[in-house]
Structure formats: structure tokens, C-alpha cells
Protein backbone atom coordinates (compact mmCIF):
# COMPACT_ATOMS: atom_id res chain seq x y z
CA MET A 1 35.48 12.02 -8.05
CA SER A 2 35.47 14.44 -5.12
CA GLY A 3 35.50 18.21 -5.36
CA ASN A 4 33.99 20.54 -7.92
CA TRP A 5 34.37 19.68 -11.61
CA ARG A 6 35.18 23.33 -12.30
CA ASP A 7 38.46 22.85 -10.44
CA ARG A 8 39.58 20.42 -13.16
CA THR A 9 38.13 22.04 -16.26
CA ALA A 10 39.78 23.71 -19.22
CA THR A 11 36.38 24.77 -20.64
CA THR A 12 34.18 27.04 -18.56
CA PHE A 13 30.55 27.96 -19.18
CA GLU A 14 27.57 29.35 -17.33
CA CYS A 15 24.10 27.85 -17.58
CA GLN A 16 21.63 29.99 -19.48
CA LYS A 17 18.46 28.41 -18.10
CA MET A 18 17.12 27.54 -14.67
CA PRO A 19 15.91 24.08 -13.67
CA ALA A 20 12.50 23.35 -12.15
CA VAL A 21 11.99 21.29 -8.98
CA SER A 22 8.86 19.33 -8.14
CA SER A 23 7.54 16.59 -5.92
CA ARG A 24 4.53 15.19 -7.82
CA GLY A 25 5.60 15.19 -11.45
CA MET A 26 7.68 16.83 -14.13
CA VAL A 27 7.42 17.37 -17.88
CA VAL A 28 10.27 18.75 -19.98
CA SER A 29 9.96 19.35 -23.72
CA ASN A 30 11.29 21.74 -26.32
CA HIS A 31 8.29 24.07 -26.24
CA PRO A 32 6.62 25.65 -23.19
CA LEU A 33 3.08 25.00 -24.42
CA ALA A 34 3.84 21.32 -24.92
CA SER A 35 5.38 20.97 -21.46
CA SER A 36 2.34 22.74 -20.03
CA ALA A 37 0.01 20.30 -21.82
CA GLY A 38 1.73 17.36 -20.18
CA ALA A 39 1.75 19.06 -16.79
CA GLU A 40 -1.99 19.63 -17.17
CA MET A 41 -2.49 15.88 -17.38
CA LEU A 42 -0.42 15.35 -14.22
CA ALA A 43 -2.40 18.04 -12.42
CA ALA A 44 -5.61 16.26 -13.41
CA GLY A 45 -4.40 13.03 -11.78
CA GLY A 46 -2.89 11.38 -14.87
CA ASN A 47 0.39 9.52 -15.01
CA ALA A 48 3.62 10.10 -16.94
CA ILE A 49 2.32 8.25 -19.98
CA ASP A 50 -0.76 10.46 -20.17
CA ALA A 51 1.52 13.49 -19.84
CA ALA A 52 3.92 12.25 -22.53
CA ILE A 53 1.22 11.59 -25.12
CA ALA A 54 -0.43 14.97 -24.44
CA THR A 55 2.97 16.61 -24.85
CA LEU A 56 3.72 14.82 -28.13
CA PHE A 57 0.40 15.71 -29.74
CA THR A 58 0.91 19.32 -28.70
CA LEU A 59 4.43 19.30 -30.11
CA THR A 60 2.99 18.37 -33.53
CA VAL A 61 1.23 21.74 -33.38
CA VAL A 62 3.77 24.04 -31.71
CA GLU A 63 6.96 22.38 -32.98
CA PRO A 64 5.64 21.31 -36.41
CA MET A 65 9.07 21.44 -38.04
CA MET A 66 10.26 18.59 -35.83
CA VAL A 67 7.47 16.12 -35.08
CA GLY A 68 4.16 14.99 -36.57
CA ILE A 69 1.57 12.26 -36.75
CA ILE A 70 3.06 11.24 -40.12
CA GLY A 71 6.44 10.59 -38.53
CA GLY A 72 8.15 8.07 -36.28
CA GLY A 73 10.06 7.67 -33.06
CA MET A 74 11.23 5.69 -30.06
CA ALA A 75 9.79 5.77 -26.54
CA HIS A 76 11.70 4.45 -23.52
CA ILE A 77 9.29 3.74 -20.68
CA ARG A 78 10.07 2.77 -17.08
CA LEU A 79 6.96 1.71 -15.20
CA ALA A 80 6.38 2.01 -11.49
CA ASP A 81 7.21 -1.71 -11.08
CA GLY A 82 10.76 -0.99 -12.30
CA SER A 83 10.39 -2.66 -15.71
CA HIS A 84 11.81 -1.03 -18.83
CA ARG A 85 10.52 -1.29 -22.37
CA VAL A 86 11.16 0.49 -25.65
CA ILE A 87 8.23 1.15 -27.97
CA ASP A 88 9.47 1.28 -31.56
CA GLY A 89 7.19 3.44 -33.68
CA GLN A 90 9.73 4.03 -36.41
CA SER A 91 8.67 4.60 -39.99
CA THR A 92 9.05 1.79 -42.53
CA VAL A 93 9.80 1.47 -46.24
CA PRO A 94 6.60 1.22 -48.31
CA ALA A 95 5.98 -2.15 -49.96
CA SER A 96 6.47 -0.90 -53.51
CA VAL A 97 10.00 0.42 -52.88
CA ARG A 98 13.04 -1.61 -53.95
CA ASP A 99 16.76 -1.16 -53.29
CA THR A 100 17.09 0.31 -56.80
CA THR A 101 14.12 2.68 -56.61
CA TYR A 102 16.32 5.77 -56.27
CA THR A 103 19.46 6.70 -58.17
CA SER A 104 22.37 7.70 -55.96
CA ARG A 105 23.86 11.04 -56.89
CA PRO A 106 27.13 10.34 -58.75
CA GLY A 107 30.20 10.87 -56.62
CA SER A 108 28.39 10.64 -53.27
CA ALA A 109 30.53 9.48 -50.34
CA HIS A 110 29.66 6.16 -48.71
CA ASP A 111 27.89 7.87 -45.83
CA VAL A 112 25.99 10.38 -48.01
CA PHE A 113 22.56 9.19 -49.20
CA ASP A 114 21.79 11.95 -51.73
CA THR A 115 19.82 10.93 -54.80
CA VAL A 116 19.30 12.35 -58.27
CA GLY A 117 16.59 15.00 -58.07
CA ASN A 118 16.59 14.82 -54.25
CA GLU A 119 13.66 12.40 -54.56
CA ASN A 120 14.38 10.84 -51.15
CA LEU A 121 14.71 14.28 -49.52
CA ASN A 122 11.81 16.47 -50.61
CA GLY A 123 8.33 15.75 -51.90
CA PRO A 124 6.03 12.69 -51.94
CA LYS A 125 8.72 10.13 -52.85
CA ALA A 126 10.60 10.99 -49.64
CA VAL A 127 7.75 9.87 -47.34
CA ALA A 128 7.96 6.57 -45.45
CA THR A 129 5.06 4.74 -43.82
CA PRO A 130 4.35 6.60 -40.55
CA GLY A 131 4.46 4.92 -37.15
CA SER A 132 4.18 7.72 -34.62
CA LEU A 133 0.38 8.02 -34.35
CA LYS A 134 -0.13 4.29 -33.89
CA ALA A 135 2.65 4.09 -31.30
CA TRP A 136 1.27 7.01 -29.28
CA CYS A 137 -2.31 5.70 -29.23
CA GLU A 138 -1.29 2.13 -28.37
CA THR A 139 1.06 3.34 -25.63
CA LEU A 140 -1.69 5.44 -24.06
CA ARG A 141 -4.12 2.52 -24.09
CA ARG A 142 -1.61 0.12 -22.56
CA PHE A 143 0.03 2.27 -19.93
CA GLY A 144 -1.97 5.48 -19.53
CA THR A 145 -5.02 6.26 -17.41
CA MET A 146 -6.78 8.97 -19.43
CA SER A 147 -8.77 8.93 -22.66
CA LEU A 148 -7.28 9.87 -26.00
CA ALA A 149 -9.79 12.69 -26.28
CA ASP A 150 -8.65 14.18 -22.97
CA VAL A 151 -4.92 14.12 -23.72
CA MET A 152 -5.46 15.60 -27.17
CA GLN A 153 -7.43 18.63 -26.04
CA PRO A 154 -4.41 20.96 -25.60
CA ALA A 155 -3.15 20.13 -29.10
CA ILE A 156 -6.58 20.74 -30.64
CA LYS A 157 -6.89 24.05 -28.79
CA HIS A 158 -3.53 25.38 -29.94
CA ALA A 159 -4.07 24.24 -33.54
CA ALA A 160 -7.50 25.87 -33.75
CA ARG A 161 -6.87 29.17 -31.99
CA GLY A 162 -3.18 29.51 -32.82
CA TYR A 163 -0.07 30.37 -30.86
CA ALA A 164 2.73 32.91 -31.17
CA ALA A 165 5.67 32.00 -33.41
CA THR A 166 8.95 31.91 -31.48
CA PRO A 167 12.28 33.14 -32.87
CA TYR A 168 13.33 29.49 -33.13
CA LEU A 169 10.32 28.60 -35.32
CA HIS A 170 10.89 31.70 -37.46
CA GLU A 171 14.51 30.68 -38.06
CA CYS A 172 13.50 27.13 -38.97
CA ILE A 173 10.93 28.39 -41.47
CA SER A 174 13.49 30.76 -42.97
CA GLU A 175 16.00 27.93 -43.35
CA SER A 176 13.47 25.78 -45.22
CA ALA A 177 11.57 28.52 -47.06
CA ALA A 178 12.94 27.93 -50.56
CA GLU A 179 11.68 24.35 -50.69
CA MET A 180 8.46 25.01 -48.73
CA ARG A 181 7.39 27.68 -51.24
CA LYS A 182 6.97 24.88 -53.81
CA ASP A 183 4.08 23.38 -51.79
CA LYS A 184 0.99 25.63 -51.55
CA PRO A 185 -0.62 24.04 -48.46
CA ILE A 186 2.49 24.28 -46.25
CA ALA A 187 3.41 27.72 -47.60
CA ALA A 188 -0.06 29.08 -46.87
CA ILE A 189 0.47 28.55 -43.13
CA PHE A 190 4.16 29.15 -42.59
CA LEU A 191 4.96 31.53 -45.46
CA PRO A 192 1.95 33.85 -45.73
CA GLY A 193 2.51 36.28 -48.59
CA GLY A 194 5.61 34.28 -49.50
CA GLU A 195 7.59 35.31 -46.43
CA PRO A 196 8.33 33.37 -43.21
CA LEU A 197 6.04 34.00 -40.26
CA LYS A 198 7.46 36.76 -38.14
CA VAL A 199 8.23 36.34 -34.45
CA GLY A 200 5.02 36.84 -32.48
CA GLU A 201 2.66 36.23 -35.40
CA ARG A 202 -0.02 33.61 -34.77
CA VAL A 203 0.27 30.14 -36.25
CA VAL A 204 -3.24 28.87 -36.92
CA GLN A 205 -3.76 25.33 -38.31
CA ALA A 206 -7.52 24.97 -38.70
CA GLU A 207 -7.46 21.96 -41.03
CA TYR A 208 -5.04 20.12 -38.76
CA ALA A 209 -7.28 20.91 -35.77
CA GLU A 210 -10.12 19.06 -37.54
CA THR A 211 -7.80 16.11 -38.20
CA LEU A 212 -6.86 16.00 -34.52
CA ARG A 213 -10.54 16.14 -33.50
CA TYR A 214 -11.28 13.17 -35.73
CA ILE A 215 -8.37 11.21 -34.28
CA ALA A 216 -9.48 12.08 -30.74
CA GLU A 217 -12.86 10.51 -31.52
CA HIS A 218 -11.79 7.51 -33.61
CA GLY A 219 -8.22 6.74 -32.52
CA GLU A 220 -5.34 5.64 -34.71
CA GLN A 221 -7.71 3.61 -36.90
CA ALA A 222 -8.69 6.91 -38.48
CA LEU A 223 -5.30 6.96 -40.23
CA TYR A 224 -4.34 3.31 -40.47
CA GLU A 225 -7.73 1.88 -41.42
CA GLY A 226 -10.08 4.81 -41.96
CA PRO A 227 -10.81 7.93 -44.00
CA LEU A 228 -7.69 9.85 -42.99
CA GLY A 229 -5.62 7.01 -44.40
CA ASP A 230 -7.63 7.17 -47.62
CA ILE A 231 -6.74 10.86 -47.92
CA LEU A 232 -3.04 10.13 -47.39
CA ALA A 233 -2.90 7.13 -49.75
CA ASP A 234 -4.88 8.91 -52.49
CA TYR A 235 -2.59 11.94 -52.30
CA MET A 236 0.51 9.76 -52.47
CA GLU A 237 -0.72 7.84 -55.49
CA LYS A 238 -1.66 10.99 -57.41
CA ALA A 239 1.53 12.85 -56.45
CA GLY A 240 3.94 10.00 -57.22
CA GLY A 241 4.63 8.88 -53.65
CA PHE A 242 4.91 5.27 -52.55
CA ILE A 243 2.54 4.88 -49.57
CA ARG A 244 -0.59 2.85 -50.30
CA ARG A 245 -3.49 1.63 -48.20
CA ASN A 246 -1.81 -1.75 -47.54
CA ASP A 247 1.26 -0.01 -46.07
CA LEU A 248 -0.96 1.64 -43.47
CA THR A 249 -3.10 -1.38 -42.62
CA SER A 250 -0.07 -3.65 -42.24
CA TYR A 251 2.02 -1.29 -40.10
CA LYS A 252 2.86 -2.60 -36.61
CA THR A 253 4.73 -1.13 -33.68
CA VAL A 254 7.35 -3.28 -31.95
CA GLU A 255 8.06 -3.55 -28.22
CA ARG A 256 11.75 -4.15 -27.54
CA GLN A 257 13.97 -4.66 -24.53
CA PRO A 258 16.56 -1.95 -23.90
CA ILE A 259 20.31 -2.32 -24.16
CA ARG A 260 22.10 -2.19 -20.78
CA ALA A 261 25.58 -0.80 -20.15
CA ASP A 262 27.37 -1.07 -16.80
CA TYR A 263 29.64 1.91 -16.22
CA ARG A 264 31.50 2.61 -12.97
CA GLY A 265 28.71 1.08 -10.89
CA TRP A 266 25.91 2.69 -12.89
CA ALA A 267 23.37 0.84 -15.04
CA ILE A 268 22.64 2.71 -18.27
CA PHE A 269 19.59 1.74 -20.35
CA GLY A 270 18.96 2.79 -23.96
CA PRO A 271 17.17 1.70 -27.14
CA PRO A 272 18.23 -1.47 -29.02
CA PRO A 273 18.48 -1.93 -32.80
CA PRO A 274 17.21 -0.65 -35.14
CA ALA A 275 18.36 2.28 -32.99
CA ALA A 276 22.15 2.50 -33.05
CA SER A 277 22.26 4.54 -29.85
CA GLY A 278 22.03 2.00 -27.03
CA VAL A 279 24.63 -0.30 -28.60
CA HIS A 280 27.18 2.40 -29.34
CA ILE A 281 26.71 4.33 -26.10
CA ALA A 282 27.42 1.05 -24.29
CA GLN A 283 30.43 0.48 -26.55
CA MET A 284 31.86 3.96 -25.95
CA LEU A 285 31.31 3.87 -22.19
CA ASN A 286 33.04 0.48 -22.01
CA ILE A 287 36.10 1.92 -23.74
CA LEU A 288 36.13 5.10 -21.66
CA GLU A 289 35.86 3.10 -18.44
CA GLY A 290 39.56 2.34 -18.84
CA TYR A 291 40.47 6.03 -18.39
CA ASP A 292 40.12 8.29 -15.34
CA ILE A 293 37.96 10.80 -17.17
CA GLY A 294 37.08 12.69 -13.99
CA SER A 295 40.73 13.38 -13.17
CA LEU A 296 41.49 14.38 -16.75
CA GLY A 297 38.88 17.12 -16.37
CA PHE A 298 35.96 18.44 -18.38
CA GLY A 299 36.71 20.06 -21.71
CA THR A 300 40.45 19.42 -21.58
CA SER A 301 42.39 18.39 -24.68
CA GLU A 302 43.08 14.99 -23.07
CA THR A 303 39.40 14.26 -22.38
CA ILE A 304 38.22 15.53 -25.76
CA HIS A 305 40.91 13.47 -27.51
CA TYR A 306 39.61 10.27 -25.93
CA LEU A 307 36.01 11.27 -26.70
CA ALA A 308 36.93 11.87 -30.33
CA GLU A 309 38.67 8.52 -30.68
CA VAL A 310 35.79 6.51 -29.20
CA LEU A 311 33.33 8.42 -31.40
CA LYS A 312 35.31 7.49 -34.50
CA ILE A 313 35.43 3.85 -33.41
CA ALA A 314 31.68 3.79 -32.77
CA PHE A 315 30.84 5.38 -36.10
CA ALA A 316 33.08 2.98 -38.00
CA ASP A 317 31.24 0.06 -36.44
CA ARG A 318 27.86 1.77 -36.90
CA ALA A 319 28.45 2.13 -40.63
CA ALA A 320 29.33 -1.54 -40.93
CA ALA A 321 26.64 -3.20 -38.90
CA SER A 322 23.75 -1.02 -37.81
CA GLY A 323 20.25 -1.55 -39.11
CA ASP A 324 16.88 -3.19 -38.68
CA PRO A 325 17.59 -6.50 -36.87
CA ASP A 326 14.95 -8.19 -39.05
CA TYR A 327 17.17 -7.48 -42.07
CA VAL A 328 20.72 -7.09 -40.71
CA GLY A 329 22.60 -9.30 -38.24
CA VAL A 330 23.68 -6.62 -35.77
CA PRO A 331 26.46 -8.09 -33.53
CA VAL A 332 25.07 -6.58 -30.33
CA GLU A 333 26.84 -8.90 -27.91
CA LYS A 334 30.27 -8.27 -29.39
CA LEU A 335 29.84 -4.50 -29.72
CA THR A 336 28.68 -4.13 -26.12
CA SER A 337 31.19 -6.55 -24.54
CA LYS A 338 33.94 -5.45 -22.18
CA ALA A 339 36.40 -7.65 -24.08
CA TYR A 340 35.76 -5.87 -27.37
CA ALA A 341 36.09 -2.51 -25.59
CA GLU A 342 39.46 -3.59 -24.18
CA GLU A 343 40.61 -4.60 -27.64
CA ARG A 344 39.64 -1.25 -29.14
CA ARG A 345 41.01 0.73 -26.19
CA GLY A 346 44.36 -0.96 -26.57
CA ALA A 347 44.73 0.50 -30.05
CA ILE A 348 44.06 4.11 -28.98
CA ASP A 349 47.13 6.33 -28.97
CA PRO A 350 46.88 8.97 -26.19
CA ALA A 351 49.20 11.26 -28.16
CA ARG A 352 47.84 10.94 -31.69
CA ALA A 353 44.54 11.07 -33.52
CA GLN A 354 43.88 8.09 -35.77
CA ALA A 355 41.61 6.94 -38.57
CA TRP A 356 39.51 3.93 -37.58
CA GLY A 357 37.91 1.12 -39.53
CA ALA A 358 35.14 -1.20 -38.40
CA GLY A 359 35.99 -3.93 -35.95
CA VAL A 360 32.98 -6.01 -36.97
CA MET A 361 31.98 -7.52 -40.32
CA GLN A 362 29.63 -5.46 -42.49
CA LEU A 363 26.46 -7.26 -42.69
CA GLU A 364 20.57 10.20 -40.13
CA SER A 365 18.45 13.50 -39.28
CA ALA A 366 19.33 16.62 -37.30
CA HIS A 367 15.79 17.86 -36.82
CA THR A 368 14.02 15.90 -34.15
CA THR A 369 12.46 16.53 -30.76
CA HIS A 370 12.72 14.94 -27.34
CA MET A 371 10.60 15.09 -24.22
CA THR A 372 10.85 13.58 -20.75
CA ALA A 373 8.01 13.06 -18.25
CA ALA A 374 7.76 11.58 -14.77
CA ASP A 375 4.94 11.25 -12.25
CA GLY A 376 4.86 10.77 -8.51
CA PHE A 377 4.04 7.06 -8.85
CA GLY A 378 7.34 5.96 -10.41
CA ASN A 379 6.45 6.00 -14.10
CA VAL A 380 8.92 7.72 -16.43
CA VAL A 381 8.88 8.32 -20.20
CA ALA A 382 11.81 9.51 -22.31
CA THR A 383 10.89 9.69 -25.97
CA THR A 384 12.46 11.04 -29.14
CA GLN A 385 10.26 11.69 -32.18
CA THR A 386 10.79 13.16 -35.62
CA ILE A 387 9.61 13.78 -39.16
CA ASN A 388 13.35 13.67 -40.01
CA ASN A 389 14.53 16.94 -41.58
CA LEU A 390 13.12 20.38 -40.77
CA PHE A 391 9.48 20.24 -41.92
CA GLY A 392 10.09 16.69 -43.16
CA ALA A 393 9.46 16.33 -46.89
CA LYS A 394 8.47 20.04 -47.02
CA ILE A 395 4.91 19.10 -47.98
CA MET A 396 1.57 19.24 -46.16
CA ILE A 397 -1.06 16.62 -46.99
CA PRO A 398 -4.19 18.42 -48.27
CA GLY A 399 -7.26 17.38 -46.32
CA LEU A 400 -5.16 16.47 -43.27
CA GLY A 401 -3.16 19.64 -42.63
CA ALA A 402 -0.34 17.35 -41.47
CA ILE A 403 3.32 17.64 -42.49
CA ALA A 404 4.82 14.47 -43.96
CA ASN A 405 8.15 12.91 -42.96
CA ASN A 406 11.14 12.45 -45.27
CA TYR A 407 12.42 9.30 -43.57
CA MET A 408 13.40 7.76 -46.91
CA ASN A 409 16.45 10.02 -46.82
CA LEU A 410 17.87 7.88 -43.99
CA PHE A 411 18.23 4.80 -46.20
CA ASP A 412 21.20 4.10 -48.45
CA PRO A 413 19.93 4.37 -52.06
CA ARG A 414 22.64 1.93 -53.18
CA PRO A 415 21.95 -1.83 -53.00
CA GLY A 416 23.98 -4.26 -50.94
CA HIS A 417 24.57 -2.26 -47.76
CA ALA A 418 23.34 -2.55 -44.17
CA LEU A 419 21.13 0.53 -44.63
CA SER A 420 19.92 -0.26 -48.16
CA LEU A 421 16.21 -0.12 -48.94
CA ALA A 422 13.87 -3.10 -48.54
CA PRO A 423 10.06 -3.25 -48.28
CA GLY A 424 8.93 -3.00 -44.66
CA LYS A 425 12.41 -2.18 -43.35
CA ARG A 426 12.60 0.16 -40.35
CA VAL A 427 14.98 3.08 -40.36
CA THR A 428 18.16 3.04 -38.33
CA THR A 429 18.21 5.93 -35.89
CA SER A 430 20.49 7.64 -33.40
CA MET A 431 17.57 8.45 -31.07
CA SER A 432 18.76 8.12 -27.48
CA PRO A 433 16.05 8.25 -24.82
CA MET A 434 18.37 7.17 -22.00
CA MET A 435 17.94 6.28 -18.32
CA ALA A 436 20.68 5.89 -15.69
CA LEU A 437 20.32 3.94 -12.44
CA ARG A 438 22.54 3.71 -9.37
CA ASP A 439 22.03 0.91 -6.81
CA GLY A 440 18.79 -0.01 -8.54
CA LYS A 441 17.30 3.48 -8.24
CA LEU A 442 16.53 5.64 -11.24
CA ARG A 443 18.64 8.80 -11.11
CA TYR A 444 18.42 10.37 -14.58
CA ALA A 445 16.29 10.24 -17.71
CA LEU A 446 17.33 12.35 -20.68
CA GLY A 447 17.54 12.73 -24.44
CA LEU A 448 17.80 15.20 -27.31
CA PRO A 449 17.40 15.73 -31.07
CA GLY A 450 20.30 16.00 -33.48
CA GLY A 451 20.59 13.17 -36.03
CA LYS A 452 23.95 11.36 -35.91
CA ARG A 453 25.02 13.73 -33.15
CA ILE A 454 22.33 12.48 -30.75
CA PHE A 455 23.93 9.44 -29.16
CA PRO A 456 27.41 11.03 -28.88
CA SER A 457 25.81 14.00 -27.10
CA ALA A 458 23.75 11.77 -24.80
CA MET A 459 26.91 9.85 -23.94
CA GLN A 460 28.71 13.10 -23.10
CA ALA A 461 25.85 14.15 -20.83
CA LEU A 462 26.16 10.84 -18.96
CA ILE A 463 29.93 11.40 -18.62
CA ASN A 464 29.23 14.91 -17.33
CA LEU A 465 26.93 13.52 -14.66
CA ILE A 466 28.89 10.42 -13.64
CA ASP A 467 32.55 11.34 -14.14
CA HIS A 468 32.50 15.10 -13.71
CA GLY A 469 29.74 15.32 -11.10
CA MET A 470 27.81 18.08 -12.85
CA SER A 471 24.26 19.02 -11.96
CA LEU A 472 21.65 18.01 -14.54
CA GLN A 473 21.31 21.61 -15.70
CA GLU A 474 25.06 21.82 -16.21
CA ALA A 475 25.19 18.45 -17.94
CA VAL A 476 22.57 19.31 -20.57
CA GLU A 477 24.00 22.76 -21.27
CA ALA A 478 27.71 21.87 -21.27
CA PRO A 479 29.68 22.36 -24.52
CA ARG A 480 29.78 19.27 -26.75
CA VAL A 481 32.05 17.76 -29.37
CA TRP A 482 31.39 15.43 -32.29
CA THR A 483 33.13 13.57 -35.08
CA GLU A 484 32.54 10.49 -37.18
CA GLY A 485 36.04 10.42 -38.59
CA ASN A 486 36.49 13.66 -40.50
CA ALA A 487 36.44 17.08 -38.83
CA LEU A 488 36.23 17.26 -35.04
CA GLU A 489 33.37 19.64 -34.31
CA VAL A 490 33.75 21.52 -31.02
CA GLU A 491 31.27 24.05 -29.73
CA GLN A 492 32.62 27.57 -29.61
CA ALA A 493 32.77 27.63 -25.81
CA VAL A 494 35.78 25.28 -26.00
CA PRO A 495 38.75 27.69 -25.67
CA GLU A 496 41.22 28.37 -28.47
CA ALA A 497 44.06 26.97 -26.34
CA VAL A 498 42.30 23.61 -26.09
CA ARG A 499 41.56 23.60 -29.81
CA GLU A 500 45.26 24.23 -30.57
CA LYS A 501 46.32 21.27 -28.41
CA LEU A 502 43.78 19.06 -30.20
CA ALA A 503 45.15 20.19 -33.56
CA MET A 504 48.66 19.26 -32.37
CA LEU A 505 47.33 15.76 -31.65
CA GLY A 506 46.25 15.51 -35.27
CA HIS A 507 42.57 16.44 -35.05
CA LYS A 508 41.04 18.64 -37.74
CA VAL A 509 39.22 20.99 -35.37
CA GLU A 510 36.13 22.84 -36.57
CA PRO A 511 34.46 25.29 -34.15
CA VAL A 512 30.65 25.25 -34.48
CA ALA A 513 27.78 27.12 -32.87
CA THR A 514 26.11 23.96 -31.63
CA VAL A 515 26.51 20.18 -31.71
CA ALA A 516 23.05 18.56 -31.88
CA GLY A 517 19.90 20.10 -30.44
CA GLY A 518 18.08 20.94 -27.25
CA MET A 519 18.66 18.29 -24.60
CA ASN A 520 16.24 17.89 -21.72
CA GLY A 521 15.93 15.51 -18.82
CA ILE A 522 14.85 14.79 -15.28
CA ALA A 523 16.97 14.00 -12.20
CA PHE A 524 15.47 11.92 -9.38
CA HIS A 525 16.50 12.55 -5.77
CA ASP A 526 16.45 10.44 -2.60
CA ASP A 527 13.77 12.59 -0.96
CA GLY A 528 11.33 11.90 -3.79
CA THR A 529 11.70 15.25 -5.49
CA MET A 530 12.77 15.63 -9.10
CA THR A 531 14.57 18.29 -11.09
CA GLY A 532 13.75 19.08 -14.71
CA ALA A 533 16.27 20.77 -16.98
CA ALA A 534 16.37 21.94 -20.61
CA CYS A 535 19.24 23.55 -22.48
CA TRP A 536 19.75 26.73 -24.51
CA ARG A 537 19.81 24.98 -27.89
CA ALA A 538 15.98 24.98 -28.25
CA ASP A 539 12.83 26.40 -26.64
CA GLY A 540 13.09 23.77 -23.89
CA THR A 541 10.98 24.32 -20.78
CA PRO A 542 10.56 22.21 -17.63
CA VAL A 543 7.19 22.34 -15.87
CA GLY A 544 6.87 20.68 -12.47
CA ILE A 545 3.90 19.77 -10.29
CA SER A 546 4.22 20.12 -6.53
CA GLY A 547 1.80 20.85 -3.72
CA GLY A 548 -1.26 18.65 -3.63
CA LEU A 549 -4.82 18.28 -2.43
CA ALA A 550 -6.19 19.64 0.84
CA LYS A 551 -5.66 17.66 4.01
CA SER A 552 -8.58 15.35 4.75
CA GLY A 553 -11.26 16.89 6.95
CA ILE A 554 -10.04 20.46 6.56
CA ARG A 555 -12.76 23.08 6.05
CA PHE A 556 -12.73 26.85 6.01
CA ARG A 557 -15.41 28.37 8.24
CA LEU A 558 -16.30 31.91 9.22
CA SER A 559 -17.01 32.25 12.92
């Protein structure tokens, strides 16, 4: 599409942040100290994997409500040789849990996993077997160049000496305060005197700093086979949780091959099942390929109508057949085929919103984080990690100083469904660490947090870049929409006139402050430079490395 996308838009906006440009490496995360930790590794001669792991460990300290060592996630890695792989470090169901362990709250809708007493939401019974720490350490050993002790130093420093609470952290604590007050260890740090930390107050996590030091010396075995695991398992047994020593010793990460979608000459790569994202982004792009989205314009009622319809189709199929491929037969080939997309597209009415059912046989969390890193050698990491809800299970493990996940809330507490509980089962996720290539060259890597709103938002960013021709900064900050079949959420920047047209088409429009969380990404240019961008929805900060070492043989002399 030629010309400026703003000439065809019905929704205008101005970017609130500035991108960063570099030539030797870039790190973008949702906290400036975490991005700086990764950039420090690049400046020391490390690669993108070193930078990513340093960033993730630091995020457990400075973004503790989103990510932790007792959590899980997905990493999408592109190595300098052009190969792609997805490292699945998702949490799993402990061995003692059965599909009848929880009691579903009476009257819950099919897509609502609430249980009696909120046992799968808050407290020890909500905690699944963690995978993040093992995945990070293994990934560093396999693909990094630096020692675990080196990449963990920034995290240890910030945990021990503290850092200033941001307005974003203060708001997250305030939102979770009622439940966090029930747990003395977590309240002692984030609710001193019973009140949320104020903006600018220091967050010191001395016990967690000691845990990080021990991990830096002993590696992931400290948790999965050593004394840190004993602390976790003993606490869980005494407190009524399900994790035992055998859950930790038997946990394994899984390397998977990404899902590929071909869209208007672009190759789009994303995570495979148990992630739902790669499959359904491919499905939605295949359907949208039949429309001239660029000509319809950004943020118009016509474009948003088609986005809403493909979202509803994707979520209907997701509910029927998403899950851990070791437990559920996910029909990947059918869902990602052009023929299936044509079939679904043919049923879309351009003048009327519809309710959609699944087109395949039946066989998650808003509080996550994402970071993207690239080096000057061609290695790129896009990874999304989480402890699920804000502050996970709202408990801190005494003796570890680490916040536990509440991943059990992502499983259906009712037996007989694709997302029902089973020992060892991995959670289904919407995590979308995506990469887009054109003519074999990597052009974009991006991702974001936001639960079920993640993969629809990532898809919209790709549409913004490919169809509308936005810059990366524009694409990550642009207003978003979301629906899974009920209300159509539209960010408030979408004008009232557009909302009225959507309502006339039959959509139940609901203006919201934000759809999903802080997206960040990196754009790669022909001259070897890269641009990092983060949006206004979180504390996202790009940090780039340019310049370089002195020219060989150069000396400074006084005559």
C-alpha cells in the first residue's frame, strides 16, 4: 500500500514514546533497569541470549508482579544461522492433582474457571510446578556466551540495594493489596505498615537477593534438585499446596518448532501448541488476506468489523481444540490452512456482526511481561514470561523471597474438556513472541503481555506494520480492539463516530482504557541498524548499543 496510513485512517493517535536506534544491539523490556541489564551484557561482548537472560532475572526483581523464578514462559529464539526454535518453559500440573481436585463455582460460564474458595486463584493450591528458572538456565548454557553468575549480577544488585517504585508498580500493588495483606512475607515488602509502597519508595528484597546469589553459584539444580527446592516443597506440603519434590525433579523443558504463516509475501513465525497464539494468528491472517485491509484504512469501522469477526472465529476454535499437544489432539494443519480460512471467510457478513461456533471438533492471564533482544551477530530473542495474575498466587515463599505463580487458574476445573486438569499437563497460553520475515530477512520481532488479549494484539501489530505501513513505534502504540464473542472492547482513542457505526453493524461496543499490556519489539533495517520501541501501556524502555571499540593501532600521544 503506497502513501501514508494516516491518509486512510478514521482513528488518529500520536505516539507517546520515542524509539531507540542502534547498530550493535538492542534490548527492550517493560522496565528501564531490566533493559539496562541486558544492554550491559551486550556492551560486555555478550550475545542476545546473554542479554535476554540478564533482563529476565532483573525483571523478577523490578517487575515482581509479572514474572518470577517460580513461573513459566515461552522463548522464541532466532540464531545467527537463521534457525528458529521455541523453548517451552511453561508450568505444569503437579502429579497429585486430578481433574476433580477443584470444585467449579456454581453457575460459571464455560470459559470462566473460577472455583469454590478461589483455591486455584490465590494461595498455595493455585501454584503449578515452575518452569521458568530451568528454561532460562538451560537456554543460557546452550546458546549464550556468558556465565550464569555474570548475567545475574544486575538482578542481585537491584534486589539487595533496592530500586525506586514506579507509579505502575504502586498501582499494581494497590490493585492486589486486599489479597496480599493475608500473606505476611509478601505484605512485609510491598505493603509496609499495611499500605502499598508509595511512588519513589525503595523496594528492597534482601532474602530474594540471597536466593539469587545461591542460584548464580549452583544453577537451576538449586531449585529442581537442591535445597531451594526443599524449601519450596516443604512449604507447599505444610500450607496445603500440591508441589512435591518429585514434581521439581521430573520437570523438563521442551524445544518446539514454531508455527509459520505466509501473509502477503511475509513469513510470520510464532509459538506452537500448547501456545494457542501461533496457530490462531496464522488462522486470522489467512482469513484477513482475502480483504484489502490497507485500503479499508486503520481504525475504520470496516477494518475493525473484520478484525472482530476473525477474533470471534479464532476464539471459538481455541475453546474447542487448544491445549497441551501431549494431551489434546490440536488440529494444527486444518486451523492454519488456506482452505479452512477460505471456508470461514466465506461465512463472514461484511454488513453484520455474527455469533460464531467452532469449526473444528472439541477434543488465560492478563499480567505477564515481554522482552525482546538482538545483537549485532544475528541472534534475536523474543520471550514472554509470567507468574499469571498480578503477584501470582499473592504469596511469597518464606526462605526464598520469591513470589509463586497461580498458573492453576488457567486450567478448566471441570473434567472432560480440552483445558481440564491432568498430572504433568502444560498450560495453554496466548503468549505471542512473534517474528516477521520478508524475502528471508528478519524485519520485526515483537510481543506483549495481556492474557487472552495477547495474540489478537500481536496480530493487530503485524497488520499495522504490513498492511498499514506504520513505523514500529506507531504499530506498538496504536489503539487496539478485542473480543472473544461477547462485548467488542475498543480502546478509547477509537472515535465515537466509529463506535456508532460498529454498533449499527451489531457489535456490542465497550470503550476501555487499554486492551492488553505494554508491547515492545525491534525492527531490523537493510543497513544493519535496528530500532527498538515500547508502548505507553507499561514502563517499557528500549536501550540500544552503538559505537564500538577503538580503531586498531590508534593511540593518543602528547607531543
